PDB file of all heavy atoms in Angstrom:
ATOM      1  N   LYS A   1       0.849  -1.187   0.000  1.00  0.00           N
ATOM      2  CA  LYS A   1       0.000   0.000   0.000  1.00  0.00           C
ATOM      3  C   LYS A   1       0.889   1.242   0.000  1.00  0.00           C
ATOM      4  O   LYS A   1       1.761   1.384   0.856  1.00  0.00           O
ATOM      5  CB  LYS A   1      -0.916   0.002   1.220  1.00  0.00           C
ATOM      6  CG  LYS A   1      -1.929   1.142   1.245  1.00  0.00           C
ATOM      7  CD  LYS A   1      -2.871   0.997   2.435  1.00  0.00           C
ATOM      8  CE  LYS A   1      -3.982   2.036   2.390  1.00  0.00           C
ATOM      9  NZ  LYS A   1      -3.475   3.414   2.558  1.00  0.00           N
ATOM     10  N   VAL A   2       0.646   2.131  -0.932  1.00  0.00           N
ATOM     11  CA  VAL A   2       1.417   3.368  -1.032  1.00  0.00           C
ATOM     12  C   VAL A   2       0.468   4.545  -0.872  1.00  0.00           C
ATOM     13  O   VAL A   2      -0.453   4.733  -1.668  1.00  0.00           O
ATOM     14  CB  VAL A   2       2.151   3.473  -2.379  1.00  0.00           C
ATOM     15  CG1 VAL A   2       2.941   4.779  -2.453  1.00  0.00           C
ATOM     16  CG2 VAL A   2       3.076   2.285  -2.586  1.00  0.00           C
ATOM     17  N   ASP A   3       0.675   5.332   0.175  1.00  0.00           N
ATOM     18  CA  ASP A   3      -0.067   6.580   0.350  1.00  0.00           C
ATOM     19  C   ASP A   3       0.787   7.715  -0.183  1.00  0.00           C
ATOM     20  O   ASP A   3       2.000   7.774   0.088  1.00  0.00           O
ATOM     21  CB  ASP A   3      -0.388   6.807   1.830  1.00  0.00           C
ATOM     22  CG  ASP A   3      -1.424   5.819   2.342  1.00  0.00           C
ATOM     23  OD1 ASP A   3      -2.588   5.911   1.916  1.00  0.00           O
ATOM     24  OD2 ASP A   3      -1.062   4.946   3.160  1.00  0.00           O
ATOM     25  N   TYR A   4       0.160   8.619  -0.921  1.00  0.00           N
ATOM     26  CA  TYR A   4       0.884   9.698  -1.595  1.00  0.00           C
ATOM     27  C   TYR A   4       0.318  11.039  -1.140  1.00  0.00           C
ATOM     28  O   TYR A   4      -0.890  11.266  -1.199  1.00  0.00           O
ATOM     29  CB  TYR A   4       0.745   9.542  -3.101  1.00  0.00           C
ATOM     30  CG  TYR A   4       1.331  10.665  -3.924  1.00  0.00           C
ATOM     31  CD1 TYR A   4       2.713  10.818  -4.045  1.00  0.00           C
ATOM     32  CD2 TYR A   4       0.509  11.557  -4.602  1.00  0.00           C
ATOM     33  CE1 TYR A   4       3.255  11.833  -4.818  1.00  0.00           C
ATOM     34  CE2 TYR A   4       1.040  12.571  -5.381  1.00  0.00           C
ATOM     35  CZ  TYR A   4       2.411  12.710  -5.488  1.00  0.00           C
ATOM     36  OH  TYR A   4       2.942  13.719  -6.256  1.00  0.00           O
ATOM     37  N   GLU A   5       1.195  11.903  -0.659  1.00  0.00           N
ATOM     38  CA  GLU A   5       0.806  13.250  -0.242  1.00  0.00           C
ATOM     39  C   GLU A   5       1.547  14.260  -1.104  1.00  0.00           C
ATOM     40  O   GLU A   5       2.776  14.391  -1.013  1.00  0.00           O
ATOM     41  CB  GLU A   5       1.149  13.482   1.233  1.00  0.00           C
ATOM     42  CG  GLU A   5       0.267  12.732   2.218  1.00  0.00           C
ATOM     43  CD  GLU A   5      -1.094  13.404   2.421  1.00  0.00           C
ATOM     44  OE1 GLU A   5      -1.234  14.594   2.008  1.00  0.00           O
ATOM     45  OE2 GLU A   5      -1.992  12.756   2.978  1.00  0.00           O
ATOM     46  N   SER A   6       0.808  14.962  -1.954  1.00  0.00           N
ATOM     47  CA  SER A   6       1.397  16.013  -2.772  1.00  0.00           C
ATOM     48  C   SER A   6       1.278  17.335  -2.027  1.00  0.00           C
ATOM     49  O   SER A   6       0.172  17.811  -1.750  1.00  0.00           O
ATOM     50  CB  SER A   6       0.668  16.106  -4.118  1.00  0.00           C
ATOM     51  OG  SER A   6       1.185  17.169  -4.892  1.00  0.00           O
ATOM     52  N   VAL A   7       2.429  17.918  -1.689  1.00  0.00           N
ATOM     53  CA  VAL A   7       2.456  19.195  -0.964  1.00  0.00           C
ATOM     54  C   VAL A   7       3.414  20.137  -1.698  1.00  0.00           C
ATOM     55  O   VAL A   7       4.523  20.406  -1.227  1.00  0.00           O
ATOM     56  CB  VAL A   7       2.863  19.004   0.508  1.00  0.00           C
ATOM     57  CG1 VAL A   7       1.695  18.546   1.347  1.00  0.00           C
ATOM     58  CG2 VAL A   7       4.004  17.985   0.657  1.00  0.00           C
ATOM     59  N   PRO A   8       3.020  20.625  -2.873  1.00  0.00           N
ATOM     60  CA  PRO A   8       3.936  21.390  -3.727  1.00  0.00           C
ATOM     61  C   PRO A   8       4.377  22.729  -3.152  1.00  0.00           C
ATOM     62  O   PRO A   8       5.330  23.320  -3.665  1.00  0.00           O
ATOM     63  CB  PRO A   8       3.132  21.584  -5.017  1.00  0.00           C
ATOM     64  CG  PRO A   8       1.707  21.420  -4.621  1.00  0.00           C
ATOM     65  CD  PRO A   8       1.705  20.423  -3.513  1.00  0.00           C
ATOM     66  N   ASP A   9       3.708  23.182  -2.090  1.00  0.00           N
ATOM     67  CA  ASP A   9       4.144  24.433  -1.467  1.00  0.00           C
ATOM     68  C   ASP A   9       5.094  24.194  -0.295  1.00  0.00           C
ATOM     69  O   ASP A   9       5.541  25.135   0.358  1.00  0.00           O
ATOM     70  CB  ASP A   9       2.938  25.238  -0.984  1.00  0.00           C
ATOM     71  CG  ASP A   9       2.089  24.493   0.035  1.00  0.00           C
ATOM     72  OD1 ASP A   9       2.023  23.241  -0.039  1.00  0.00           O
ATOM     73  OD2 ASP A   9       1.477  25.152   0.898  1.00  0.00           O
ATOM     74  N   ALA A  10       5.422  22.939  -0.028  1.00  0.00           N
ATOM     75  CA  ALA A  10       6.319  22.608   1.087  1.00  0.00           C
ATOM     76  C   ALA A  10       7.770  22.644   0.631  1.00  0.00           C
ATOM     77  O   ALA A  10       8.089  22.322  -0.519  1.00  0.00           O
ATOM     78  CB  ALA A  10       5.989  21.227   1.643  1.00  0.00           C
ATOM     79  N   SER A  11       8.659  23.012   1.531  1.00  0.00           N
ATOM     80  CA  SER A  11      10.087  22.976   1.225  1.00  0.00           C
ATOM     81  C   SER A  11      10.572  21.535   1.186  1.00  0.00           C
ATOM     82  O   SER A  11       9.886  20.613   1.638  1.00  0.00           O
ATOM     83  CB  SER A  11      10.884  23.762   2.272  1.00  0.00           C
ATOM     84  OG  SER A  11      10.935  23.043   3.500  1.00  0.00           O
ATOM     85  N   HIS A  12      11.764  21.357   0.644  1.00  0.00           N
ATOM     86  CA  HIS A  12      12.328  20.005   0.546  1.00  0.00           C
ATOM     87  C   HIS A  12      12.418  19.350   1.921  1.00  0.00           C
ATOM     88  O   HIS A  12      12.107  18.164   2.070  1.00  0.00           O
ATOM     89  CB  HIS A  12      13.704  20.095  -0.105  1.00  0.00           C
ATOM     90  CG  HIS A  12      14.394  18.787  -0.277  1.00  0.00           C
ATOM     91  ND1 HIS A  12      13.785  17.674  -0.840  1.00  0.00           N
ATOM     92  CD2 HIS A  12      15.664  18.389   0.049  1.00  0.00           C
ATOM     93  CE1 HIS A  12      14.640  16.668  -0.864  1.00  0.00           C
ATOM     94  NE2 HIS A  12      15.774  17.068  -0.332  1.00  0.00           N
ATOM     95  N   MET A  13      12.818  20.102   2.919  1.00  0.00           N
ATOM     96  CA  MET A  13      12.942  19.565   4.280  1.00  0.00           C
ATOM     97  C   MET A  13      11.762  20.050   5.116  1.00  0.00           C
ATOM     98  O   MET A  13      11.914  20.851   6.035  1.00  0.00           O
ATOM     99  CB  MET A  13      14.277  19.976   4.896  1.00  0.00           C
ATOM    100  CG  MET A  13      15.474  19.383   4.184  1.00  0.00           C
ATOM    101  SD  MET A  13      17.063  19.695   4.992  1.00  0.00           S
ATOM    102  CE  MET A  13      17.243  21.455   4.693  1.00  0.00           C
ATOM    103  N   MET A  14      10.582  19.571   4.803  1.00  0.00           N
ATOM    104  CA  MET A  14       9.380  20.006   5.510  1.00  0.00           C
ATOM    105  C   MET A  14       9.469  19.707   6.999  1.00  0.00           C
ATOM    106  O   MET A  14       8.965  20.467   7.825  1.00  0.00           O
ATOM    107  CB  MET A  14       8.145  19.340   4.908  1.00  0.00           C
ATOM    108  CG  MET A  14       6.827  19.718   5.576  1.00  0.00           C
ATOM    109  SD  MET A  14       5.369  19.138   4.680  1.00  0.00           S
ATOM    110  CE  MET A  14       5.626  17.356   4.682  1.00  0.00           C
ATOM    111  N   HIS A  15      10.108  18.595   7.363  1.00  0.00           N
ATOM    112  CA  HIS A  15      10.214  18.249   8.785  1.00  0.00           C
ATOM    113  C   HIS A  15      10.931  19.338   9.560  1.00  0.00           C
ATOM    114  O   HIS A  15      10.695  19.528  10.759  1.00  0.00           O
ATOM    115  CB  HIS A  15      10.953  16.917   8.958  1.00  0.00           C
ATOM    116  CG  HIS A  15      12.400  16.988   8.593  1.00  0.00           C
ATOM    117  ND1 HIS A  15      12.849  16.875   7.292  1.00  0.00           N
ATOM    118  CD2 HIS A  15      13.511  17.177   9.357  1.00  0.00           C
ATOM    119  CE1 HIS A  15      14.164  16.988   7.279  1.00  0.00           C
ATOM    120  NE2 HIS A  15      14.595  17.165   8.508  1.00  0.00           N
ATOM    121  N   GLN A  16      11.800  20.092   8.887  1.00  0.00           N
ATOM    122  CA  GLN A  16      12.550  21.159   9.541  1.00  0.00           C
ATOM    123  C   GLN A  16      11.837  22.502   9.433  1.00  0.00           C
ATOM    124  O   GLN A  16      11.745  23.240  10.412  1.00  0.00           O
ATOM    125  CB  GLN A  16      13.941  21.260   8.922  1.00  0.00           C
ATOM    126  CG  GLN A  16      14.844  22.304   9.562  1.00  0.00           C
ATOM    127  CD  GLN A  16      16.203  22.344   8.885  1.00  0.00           C
ATOM    128  OE1 GLN A  16      16.320  22.719   7.718  1.00  0.00           O
ATOM    129  NE2 GLN A  16      17.231  21.942   9.610  1.00  0.00           N
ATOM    130  N   SER A  17      11.325  22.809   8.242  1.00  0.00           N
ATOM    131  CA  SER A  17      10.732  24.133   8.028  1.00  0.00           C
ATOM    132  C   SER A  17       9.298  24.227   8.535  1.00  0.00           C
ATOM    133  O   SER A  17       8.835  25.317   8.889  1.00  0.00           O
ATOM    134  CB  SER A  17      10.765  24.487   6.538  1.00  0.00           C
ATOM    135  OG  SER A  17      10.003  23.554   5.783  1.00  0.00           O
ATOM    136  N   ASP A  18       8.579  23.128   8.554  1.00  0.00           N
ATOM    137  CA  ASP A  18       7.180  23.134   8.999  1.00  0.00           C
ATOM    138  C   ASP A  18       6.887  21.840   9.752  1.00  0.00           C
ATOM    139  O   ASP A  18       6.135  20.980   9.283  1.00  0.00           O
ATOM    140  CB  ASP A  18       6.258  23.270   7.786  1.00  0.00           C
ATOM    141  CG  ASP A  18       4.821  23.634   8.169  1.00  0.00           C
ATOM    142  OD1 ASP A  18       4.509  23.618   9.377  1.00  0.00           O
ATOM    143  OD2 ASP A  18       4.028  23.906   7.254  1.00  0.00           O
ATOM    144  N   PRO A  19       7.486  21.687  10.943  1.00  0.00           N
ATOM    145  CA  PRO A  19       7.351  20.412  11.661  1.00  0.00           C
ATOM    146  C   PRO A  19       5.918  20.066  12.034  1.00  0.00           C
ATOM    147  O   PRO A  19       5.564  18.884  12.088  1.00  0.00           O
ATOM    148  CB  PRO A  19       8.235  20.602  12.898  1.00  0.00           C
ATOM    149  CG  PRO A  19       8.406  22.082  13.042  1.00  0.00           C
ATOM    150  CD  PRO A  19       8.360  22.638  11.651  1.00  0.00           C
ATOM    151  N   ALA A  20       5.080  21.083  12.289  1.00  0.00           N
ATOM    152  CA  ALA A  20       3.695  20.792  12.658  1.00  0.00           C
ATOM    153  C   ALA A  20       2.963  20.123  11.490  1.00  0.00           C
ATOM    154  O   ALA A  20       2.227  19.140  11.675  1.00  0.00           O
ATOM    155  CB  ALA A  20       2.990  22.079  13.072  1.00  0.00           C
ATOM    156  N   ARG A  21       3.164  20.643  10.291  1.00  0.00           N
ATOM    157  CA  ARG A  21       2.531  20.059   9.109  1.00  0.00           C
ATOM    158  C   ARG A  21       3.069  18.655   8.852  1.00  0.00           C
ATOM    159  O   ARG A  21       2.315  17.737   8.511  1.00  0.00           O
ATOM    160  CB  ARG A  21       2.777  20.959   7.909  1.00  0.00           C
ATOM    161  CG  ARG A  21       2.036  20.551   6.652  1.00  0.00           C
ATOM    162  CD  ARG A  21       2.359  21.521   5.524  1.00  0.00           C
ATOM    163  NE  ARG A  21       1.511  21.340   4.377  1.00  0.00           N
ATOM    164  CZ  ARG A  21       1.649  22.019   3.235  1.00  0.00           C
ATOM    165  NH1 ARG A  21       2.609  22.927   3.119  1.00  0.00           N
ATOM    166  NH2 ARG A  21       0.839  21.815   2.224  1.00  0.00           N
ATOM    167  N   TYR A  22       4.361  18.503   9.020  1.00  0.00           N
ATOM    168  CA  TYR A  22       4.991  17.188   8.849  1.00  0.00           C
ATOM    169  C   TYR A  22       4.370  16.185   9.815  1.00  0.00           C
ATOM    170  O   TYR A  22       4.011  15.063   9.418  1.00  0.00           O
ATOM    171  CB  TYR A  22       6.485  17.333   9.095  1.00  0.00           C
ATOM    172  CG  TYR A  22       7.274  16.051   9.112  1.00  0.00           C
ATOM    173  CD1 TYR A  22       7.692  15.448   7.931  1.00  0.00           C
ATOM    174  CD2 TYR A  22       7.633  15.440  10.319  1.00  0.00           C
ATOM    175  CE1 TYR A  22       8.433  14.277   7.936  1.00  0.00           C
ATOM    176  CE2 TYR A  22       8.374  14.275  10.335  1.00  0.00           C
ATOM    177  CZ  TYR A  22       8.768  13.695   9.141  1.00  0.00           C
ATOM    178  OH  TYR A  22       9.504  12.537   9.162  1.00  0.00           O
ATOM    179  N   ALA A  23       4.213  16.582  11.065  1.00  0.00           N
ATOM    180  CA  ALA A  23       3.637  15.680  12.068  1.00  0.00           C
ATOM    181  C   ALA A  23       2.180  15.364  11.755  1.00  0.00           C
ATOM    182  O   ALA A  23       1.720  14.233  11.989  1.00  0.00           O
ATOM    183  CB  ALA A  23       3.753  16.301  13.454  1.00  0.00           C
ATOM    184  N   GLU A  24       1.447  16.331  11.216  1.00  0.00           N
ATOM    185  CA  GLU A  24       0.046  16.099  10.860  1.00  0.00           C
ATOM    186  C   GLU A  24      -0.088  15.039   9.759  1.00  0.00           C
ATOM    187  O   GLU A  24      -1.085  14.318   9.707  1.00  0.00           O
ATOM    188  CB  GLU A  24      -0.597  17.408  10.390  1.00  0.00           C
ATOM    189  CG  GLU A  24      -0.856  18.402  11.516  1.00  0.00           C
ATOM    190  CD  GLU A  24      -1.342  19.740  10.987  1.00  0.00           C
ATOM    191  OE1 GLU A  24      -1.508  19.872   9.739  1.00  0.00           O
ATOM    192  OE2 GLU A  24      -1.558  20.655  11.790  1.00  0.00           O
ATOM    193  N   ILE A  25       0.897  14.972   8.880  1.00  0.00           N
ATOM    194  CA  ILE A  25       0.871  13.983   7.805  1.00  0.00           C
ATOM    195  C   ILE A  25       1.350  12.626   8.305  1.00  0.00           C
ATOM    196  O   ILE A  25       0.746  11.587   8.020  1.00  0.00           O
ATOM    197  CB  ILE A  25       1.735  14.461   6.621  1.00  0.00           C
ATOM    198  CG1 ILE A  25       1.102  15.707   5.976  1.00  0.00           C
ATOM    199  CG2 ILE A  25       1.910  13.354   5.585  1.00  0.00           C
ATOM    200  CD1 ILE A  25       1.988  16.364   4.927  1.00  0.00           C
ATOM    201  N   LEU A  26       2.446  12.626   9.053  1.00  0.00           N
ATOM    202  CA  LEU A  26       3.064  11.375   9.484  1.00  0.00           C
ATOM    203  C   LEU A  26       2.277  10.662  10.580  1.00  0.00           C
ATOM    204  O   LEU A  26       2.089   9.443  10.516  1.00  0.00           O
ATOM    205  CB  LEU A  26       4.495  11.646   9.971  1.00  0.00           C
ATOM    206  CG  LEU A  26       5.217  10.492  10.672  1.00  0.00           C
ATOM    207  CD1 LEU A  26       5.367   9.294   9.744  1.00  0.00           C
ATOM    208  CD2 LEU A  26       6.579  10.950  11.192  1.00  0.00           C
ATOM    209  N   THR A  27       1.798  11.390  11.579  1.00  0.00           N
ATOM    210  CA  THR A  27       1.262  10.758  12.788  1.00  0.00           C
ATOM    211  C   THR A  27       0.060   9.853  12.517  1.00  0.00           C
ATOM    212  O   THR A  27       0.052   8.689  12.943  1.00  0.00           O
ATOM    213  CB  THR A  27       0.927  11.819  13.838  1.00  0.00           C
ATOM    214  OG1 THR A  27       2.107  12.593  14.118  1.00  0.00           O
ATOM    215  CG2 THR A  27       0.430  11.172  15.127  1.00  0.00           C
ATOM    216  N   PRO A  28      -0.991  10.330  11.816  1.00  0.00           N
ATOM    217  CA  PRO A  28      -2.119   9.417  11.595  1.00  0.00           C
ATOM    218  C   PRO A  28      -1.776   8.243  10.693  1.00  0.00           C
ATOM    219  O   PRO A  28      -2.324   7.136  10.877  1.00  0.00           O
ATOM    220  CB  PRO A  28      -3.185  10.322  10.948  1.00  0.00           C
ATOM    221  CG  PRO A  28      -2.427  11.497  10.413  1.00  0.00           C
ATOM    222  CD  PRO A  28      -1.260  11.684  11.321  1.00  0.00           C
ATOM    223  N   TRP A  29      -0.882   8.451   9.747  1.00  0.00           N
ATOM    224  CA  TRP A  29      -0.480   7.342   8.889  1.00  0.00           C
ATOM    225  C   TRP A  29       0.245   6.279   9.707  1.00  0.00           C
ATOM    226  O   TRP A  29      -0.055   5.080   9.597  1.00  0.00           O
ATOM    227  CB  TRP A  29       0.437   7.859   7.769  1.00  0.00           C
ATOM    228  CG  TRP A  29       1.039   6.760   6.939  1.00  0.00           C
ATOM    229  CD1 TRP A  29       0.446   6.093   5.909  1.00  0.00           C
ATOM    230  CD2 TRP A  29       2.352   6.200   7.097  1.00  0.00           C
ATOM    231  NE1 TRP A  29       1.313   5.150   5.396  1.00  0.00           N
ATOM    232  CE2 TRP A  29       2.478   5.190   6.106  1.00  0.00           C
ATOM    233  CE3 TRP A  29       3.409   6.450   7.958  1.00  0.00           C
ATOM    234  CZ2 TRP A  29       3.650   4.434   5.974  1.00  0.00           C
ATOM    235  CZ3 TRP A  29       4.566   5.699   7.819  1.00  0.00           C
ATOM    236  CH2 TRP A  29       4.659   4.707   6.842  1.00  0.00           C
ATOM    237  N   ALA A  30       1.181   6.699  10.545  1.00  0.00           N
ATOM    238  CA  ALA A  30       1.931   5.741  11.364  1.00  0.00           C
ATOM    239  C   ALA A  30       1.009   5.039  12.361  1.00  0.00           C
ATOM    240  O   ALA A  30       1.181   3.845  12.635  1.00  0.00           O
ATOM    241  CB  ALA A  30       3.064   6.451  12.089  1.00  0.00           C
ATOM    242  N   ALA A  31       0.028   5.775  12.897  1.00  0.00           N
ATOM    243  CA  ALA A  31      -0.876   5.181  13.897  1.00  0.00           C
ATOM    244  C   ALA A  31      -1.751   4.093  13.286  1.00  0.00           C
ATOM    245  O   ALA A  31      -2.188   3.184  13.985  1.00  0.00           O
ATOM    246  CB  ALA A  31      -1.755   6.265  14.502  1.00  0.00           C
ATOM    247  N   ALA A  32      -1.970   4.169  11.979  1.00  0.00           N
ATOM    248  CA  ALA A  32      -2.836   3.189  11.316  1.00  0.00           C
ATOM    249  C   ALA A  32      -2.086   1.934  10.869  1.00  0.00           C
ATOM    250  O   ALA A  32      -2.703   0.976  10.397  1.00  0.00           O
ATOM    251  CB  ALA A  32      -3.508   3.833  10.100  1.00  0.00           C
ATOM    252  N   LEU A  33      -0.758   1.924  11.035  1.00  0.00           N
ATOM    253  CA  LEU A  33       0.013   0.763  10.627  1.00  0.00           C
ATOM    254  C   LEU A  33      -0.242  -0.422  11.555  1.00  0.00           C
ATOM    255  O   LEU A  33      -0.509  -0.243  12.740  1.00  0.00           O
ATOM    256  CB  LEU A  33       1.513   1.092  10.639  1.00  0.00           C
ATOM    257  CG  LEU A  33       2.005   2.103   9.603  1.00  0.00           C
ATOM    258  CD1 LEU A  33       3.473   2.440   9.858  1.00  0.00           C
ATOM    259  CD2 LEU A  33       1.822   1.566   8.180  1.00  0.00           C
ATOM    260  N   ALA A  34      -0.124  -1.585  10.997  1.00  0.00           N
ATOM    261  CA  ALA A  34      -0.248  -2.786  11.828  1.00  0.00           C
ATOM    262  C   ALA A  34       0.876  -2.832  12.853  1.00  0.00           C
ATOM    263  O   ALA A  34       2.023  -2.455  12.538  1.00  0.00           O
ATOM    264  CB  ALA A  34      -0.207  -4.035  10.954  1.00  0.00           C
ATOM    265  N   PRO A  35       0.608  -3.263  14.081  1.00  0.00           N
ATOM    266  CA  PRO A  35       1.673  -3.314  15.106  1.00  0.00           C
ATOM    267  C   PRO A  35       2.722  -4.349  14.772  1.00  0.00           C
ATOM    268  O   PRO A  35       2.511  -5.252  13.997  1.00  0.00           O
ATOM    269  CB  PRO A  35       0.891  -3.683  16.388  1.00  0.00           C
ATOM    270  CG  PRO A  35      -0.342  -4.368  15.899  1.00  0.00           C
ATOM    271  CD  PRO A  35      -0.676  -3.750  14.574  1.00  0.00           C
TER     272      PRO A  35
END
């Protein structure tokens, strides 16, 4: 399964420049993974 998030207004290092947005994308996806 491949989830794709297109964020063309984000910088290359979104985790650094916009950590809140990065966490909003990563956190629910990671929480839905099988343990």
